[in-house]
Amino acid sequence: MRGTYFFSFRSPYSWLASMGLKRLIDAGDALELVPFFEPDAVRSAALQAQGGVFPYTPMSDAKHRYILKDVKRLTTRFGVSHVWPVDPDPWWEASHLGFLAARRLGHGLPFFWQVYRARWELGLDISRTETIAQICRSAGMDARQTQIVCDAPQDAEISSEGVAALHRVWMEDVFGTPMFTKRRTQFWGIDRLPDFLAAIDEDLDAQVPAGALATTPLEFDHAGGCG
C-alpha cells in the first residue's frame, strides 16, 4: 500500500475526494481503504471495551448551513450534480460494514462507488436494507452475495473488522474525513489531496500515467473536511 484513505459514505467531502482519487482507488493496491463511521450502540460498546472512543463532535446549525452552501459551490465548480439525501434514522453500519463484507466477496470497489452514487447522486437512504440490496445488485452481486452484505451488521467477524477500523481511527488520531495518510503523515480535507499525492511513492507512475491526475475534472483547491 502506498497510502491510506479514511473515507466515509456520510460525508459529501469524502465523496468528492473519492472521485479525485478514483484512478488510485481503482488501481486496487495503491490505497488502503479504511471506513470511518459513527458507530451504533453495539459497535460503540465494543470500541470502548478496547479503550477507544469515536471522535464525534455534534455539528452546529451554523456549520450545517455552511456545508450546504459549500458543497453546492464545489459541485457546481467541479461540474458534478448531487442531491441532498434525507436520513430519518441513520445507521452507518449498513453501508460501511456492508463495504467490508462486499470487499471480502471481491466486490468491494463496485460496492464502494455504487454507495456514493446512491447517496449523493440519487439521494437514497443508505441506512435501509432495501437500498443496500439495490446497491449490491448494481455492483454485480448475485442473490447469495447480496444477502451476505445486507446481513453484515449481524456477522460477528465483519462487526469485529468494523470495530478494528474504528479503533485504528482512534489510535491514529483520525478526527474526520476525508483523511489521507502516508506512513505517519496526515492530510485532512480535499484541499490536501495534492499534497497527499505528492507524498505517494515515486513509483506512482506505475499506477497512474504521468499527467493523468492533471486531467481530473475536480480541482481540489478548497478546504473541505466533514466527519
Protein backbone atom coordinates (compact mmCIF):
# COMPACT_ATOMS: atom_id res chain seq x y z
CA MET A 1 0.00 0.00 0.00
CA ARG A 2 1.30 3.46 -0.86
CA GLY A 3 -1.13 5.34 1.36
CA THR A 4 -4.27 5.08 3.42
CA TYR A 5 -7.61 6.73 2.81
CA PHE A 6 -10.05 7.03 5.71
CA PHE A 7 -13.38 7.52 3.98
CA SER A 8 -16.99 7.99 4.98
CA PHE A 9 -20.08 7.43 2.86
CA ARG A 10 -21.77 10.04 5.05
CA SER A 11 -19.51 12.92 4.04
CA PRO A 12 -20.01 14.90 0.82
CA TYR A 13 -16.38 15.98 1.01
CA SER A 14 -15.31 12.34 1.16
CA TRP A 15 -17.49 11.67 -1.90
CA LEU A 16 -15.74 14.45 -3.83
CA ALA A 17 -12.30 13.36 -2.65
CA SER A 18 -13.05 9.80 -3.73
CA MET A 19 -13.72 10.98 -7.26
CA GLY A 20 -10.42 12.82 -7.21
CA LEU A 21 -8.70 9.61 -6.09
CA LYS A 22 -10.61 7.36 -8.48
CA ARG A 23 -7.62 6.27 -10.54
CA LEU A 24 -5.69 5.27 -7.43
CA ILE A 25 -8.70 3.62 -5.77
CA ASP A 26 -9.48 1.59 -8.87
CA ALA A 27 -5.83 0.52 -9.11
CA GLY A 28 -6.67 -1.85 -6.25
CA ASP A 29 -3.43 -1.94 -4.26
CA ALA A 30 -2.44 1.72 -4.44
CA LEU A 31 -4.59 2.81 -1.48
CA GLU A 32 -5.81 1.13 1.65
CA LEU A 33 -9.46 2.00 2.21
CA VAL A 34 -10.50 2.27 5.87
CA PRO A 35 -14.12 3.10 6.76
CA PHE A 36 -14.83 5.92 9.22
CA PHE A 37 -18.38 5.86 10.57
CA GLU A 38 -20.32 6.85 13.67
CA PRO A 39 -20.97 3.54 15.46
CA ASP A 40 -24.26 2.35 16.86
CA ALA A 41 -24.59 1.21 20.48
CA VAL A 42 -23.27 -2.29 19.75
CA ARG A 43 -20.11 -1.19 17.95
CA SER A 44 -19.60 1.76 20.32
CA ALA A 45 -19.57 -0.57 23.33
CA ALA A 46 -17.13 -2.90 21.60
CA LEU A 47 -14.87 0.03 20.73
CA GLN A 48 -14.92 1.34 24.29
CA ALA A 49 -14.09 -2.15 25.56
CA GLN A 50 -10.87 -1.88 23.56
CA GLY A 51 -10.10 1.52 25.05
CA GLY A 52 -11.18 3.54 22.04
CA VAL A 53 -13.64 6.38 21.57
CA PHE A 54 -15.17 7.57 18.32
CA PRO A 55 -14.14 11.20 17.62
CA TYR A 56 -17.63 12.59 17.15
CA THR A 57 -18.47 16.24 17.61
CA PRO A 58 -22.10 17.38 17.12
CA MET A 59 -22.44 19.76 14.19
CA SER A 60 -23.79 23.21 14.91
CA ASP A 61 -26.62 24.65 12.84
CA ALA A 62 -24.24 27.29 11.52
CA LYS A 63 -21.76 24.67 10.30
CA HIS A 64 -24.56 22.65 8.74
CA ARG A 65 -25.79 25.68 6.81
CA TYR A 66 -22.26 26.44 5.68
CA ILE A 67 -21.74 22.88 4.39
CA LEU A 68 -24.96 23.05 2.40
CA LYS A 69 -23.74 26.16 0.61
CA ASP A 70 -20.14 24.99 0.32
CA VAL A 71 -20.96 21.63 -1.25
CA LYS A 72 -23.29 23.30 -3.74
CA ARG A 73 -20.49 25.70 -4.65
CA LEU A 74 -17.95 22.88 -5.01
CA THR A 75 -20.13 20.58 -7.08
CA THR A 76 -21.07 23.45 -9.38
CA ARG A 77 -17.41 24.30 -9.92
CA PHE A 78 -16.46 20.64 -10.39
CA GLY A 79 -19.28 20.09 -12.87
CA VAL A 80 -20.99 17.27 -10.98
CA SER A 81 -24.60 17.05 -9.89
CA HIS A 82 -25.79 15.98 -6.48
CA VAL A 83 -28.86 15.78 -4.28
CA TRP A 84 -29.08 16.04 -0.52
CA PRO A 85 -30.14 12.70 0.98
CA VAL A 86 -32.60 12.51 3.84
CA ASP A 87 -31.57 10.25 6.72
CA PRO A 88 -34.55 9.93 9.08
CA ASP A 89 -32.87 7.17 11.09
CA PRO A 90 -29.18 6.98 10.12
CA TRP A 91 -27.45 3.66 10.71
CA TRP A 92 -23.99 3.83 9.16
CA GLU A 93 -23.18 0.18 9.82
CA ALA A 94 -25.44 -0.85 6.95
CA SER A 95 -23.19 0.73 4.33
CA HIS A 96 -19.76 0.71 5.96
CA LEU A 97 -19.90 -2.85 7.31
CA GLY A 98 -21.58 -3.73 4.04
CA PHE A 99 -18.47 -2.45 2.26
CA LEU A 100 -16.25 -4.72 4.37
CA ALA A 101 -18.45 -7.70 3.51
CA ALA A 102 -18.51 -6.78 -0.18
CA ARG A 103 -14.72 -6.49 -0.18
CA ARG A 104 -14.41 -10.00 1.19
CA LEU A 105 -16.62 -11.19 -1.65
CA GLY A 106 -14.45 -9.48 -4.24
CA HIS A 107 -16.98 -6.70 -4.94
CA GLY A 108 -15.58 -4.01 -2.66
CA LEU A 109 -14.83 -1.34 -5.24
CA PRO A 110 -18.06 -1.67 -7.26
CA PHE A 111 -19.98 -1.51 -3.97
CA PHE A 112 -17.93 1.50 -2.84
CA TRP A 113 -18.80 3.51 -5.94
CA GLN A 114 -22.44 2.43 -6.00
CA VAL A 115 -22.94 3.54 -2.39
CA TYR A 116 -21.62 7.00 -3.17
CA ARG A 117 -23.78 7.14 -6.29
CA ALA A 118 -26.86 6.04 -4.36
CA ARG A 119 -26.37 8.58 -1.59
CA TRP A 120 -25.02 11.67 -3.34
CA GLU A 121 -26.37 11.36 -6.87
CA LEU A 122 -29.70 9.61 -6.28
CA GLY A 123 -30.42 10.81 -2.73
CA LEU A 124 -31.22 7.32 -1.44
CA ASP A 125 -31.19 6.36 2.23
CA ILE A 126 -28.17 4.04 2.57
CA SER A 127 -29.24 3.07 6.09
CA ARG A 128 -32.08 1.00 4.63
CA THR A 129 -31.54 -2.69 3.89
CA GLU A 130 -33.60 -2.31 0.72
CA THR A 131 -31.18 0.32 -0.55
CA ILE A 132 -28.15 -1.81 0.29
CA ALA A 133 -29.70 -4.70 -1.63
CA GLN A 134 -30.26 -2.44 -4.62
CA ILE A 135 -26.65 -1.26 -4.40
CA CYS A 136 -25.41 -4.87 -4.29
CA ARG A 137 -27.31 -5.72 -7.44
CA SER A 138 -25.94 -2.63 -9.18
CA ALA A 139 -22.45 -3.75 -8.10
CA GLY A 140 -22.95 -7.09 -9.87
CA MET A 141 -23.65 -9.33 -6.88
CA ASP A 142 -25.91 -12.36 -7.01
CA ALA A 143 -28.70 -13.09 -4.54
CA ARG A 144 -26.46 -15.01 -2.13
CA GLN A 145 -23.81 -12.30 -2.05
CA THR A 146 -26.43 -9.60 -1.67
CA GLN A 147 -27.84 -11.33 1.38
CA ILE A 148 -24.38 -11.65 2.93
CA VAL A 149 -23.77 -7.92 2.53
CA CYS A 150 -27.20 -7.00 3.85
CA ASP A 151 -26.57 -9.21 6.90
CA ALA A 152 -23.08 -7.75 7.50
CA PRO A 153 -24.01 -5.85 10.70
CA GLN A 154 -25.14 -9.14 12.25
CA ASP A 155 -21.98 -11.01 11.22
CA ALA A 156 -19.57 -11.28 14.16
CA GLU A 157 -16.41 -11.29 12.02
CA ILE A 158 -17.46 -8.32 9.92
CA SER A 159 -18.55 -6.43 13.02
CA SER A 160 -15.17 -7.09 14.63
CA GLU A 161 -13.43 -5.87 11.48
CA GLY A 162 -15.50 -2.69 11.62
CA VAL A 163 -14.64 -2.12 15.28
CA ALA A 164 -10.97 -2.70 14.45
CA ALA A 165 -11.22 0.03 11.81
CA LEU A 166 -12.76 2.41 14.37
CA HIS A 167 -10.07 1.53 16.90
CA ARG A 168 -7.49 2.37 14.28
CA VAL A 169 -9.25 5.71 13.73
CA TRP A 170 -8.84 6.35 17.44
CA MET A 171 -5.21 5.20 17.64
CA GLU A 172 -4.12 7.17 14.56
CA ASP A 173 -5.85 10.41 15.61
CA VAL A 174 -8.20 10.48 12.63
CA PHE A 175 -10.70 13.16 13.59
CA GLY A 176 -12.70 13.47 10.38
CA THR A 177 -12.91 12.64 6.70
CA PRO A 178 -11.57 12.74 4.13
CA MET A 179 -8.28 11.89 5.80
CA PHE A 180 -5.27 10.60 3.88
CA THR A 181 -2.13 9.24 5.48
CA LYS A 182 1.30 8.34 4.19
CA ARG A 183 3.20 6.48 6.86
CA ARG A 184 2.55 8.72 9.87
CA THR A 185 1.90 11.94 7.96
CA GLN A 186 -1.72 13.09 7.84
CA PHE A 187 -3.51 15.13 5.20
CA TRP A 188 -7.06 16.25 6.04
CA GLY A 189 -9.64 17.67 3.67
CA ILE A 190 -9.91 17.73 -0.10
CA ASP A 191 -7.59 20.74 -0.30
CA ARG A 192 -4.76 18.50 0.96
CA LEU A 193 -5.27 15.90 -1.76
CA PRO A 194 -2.48 17.29 -4.00
CA ASP A 195 -0.08 17.20 -1.04
CA PHE A 196 -1.03 13.61 -0.30
CA LEU A 197 -0.47 12.60 -3.92
CA ALA A 198 2.90 14.31 -3.87
CA ALA A 199 3.84 12.17 -0.86
CA ILE A 200 2.97 8.93 -2.62
CA ASP A 201 5.89 6.66 -3.53
CA GLU A 202 8.00 7.53 -6.57
CA ASP A 203 6.64 4.53 -8.45
CA LEU A 204 3.19 6.18 -8.54
CA ASP A 205 3.54 6.40 -12.32
CA ALA A 206 3.33 2.63 -12.46
CA GLN A 207 -0.29 3.02 -11.36
CA VAL A 208 -1.15 6.46 -12.71
CA PRO A 209 0.29 7.61 -16.06
CA ALA A 210 2.22 10.88 -15.98
CA GLY A 211 -0.16 13.81 -16.21
CA ALA A 212 -3.26 11.68 -15.66
CA LEU A 213 -4.16 13.34 -12.38
CA ALA A 214 -3.99 16.74 -14.02
CA THR A 215 -6.86 15.74 -16.31
CA THR A 216 -9.29 15.15 -13.48
CA PRO A 217 -12.36 17.44 -13.66
CA LEU A 218 -12.06 18.10 -9.95
CA GLU A 219 -9.76 20.86 -8.75
CA PHE A 220 -9.04 20.45 -5.07
CA ASP A 221 -8.10 23.97 -4.04
CA HIS A 222 -10.74 24.43 -1.37
CA ALA A 223 -10.60 23.37 2.24
CA GLY A 224 -13.11 20.69 2.97
CA GLY A 225 -13.50 18.16 5.71
CA CYS A 226 -16.57 16.63 7.19
CA GLY A 227 -16.65 13.91 9.79
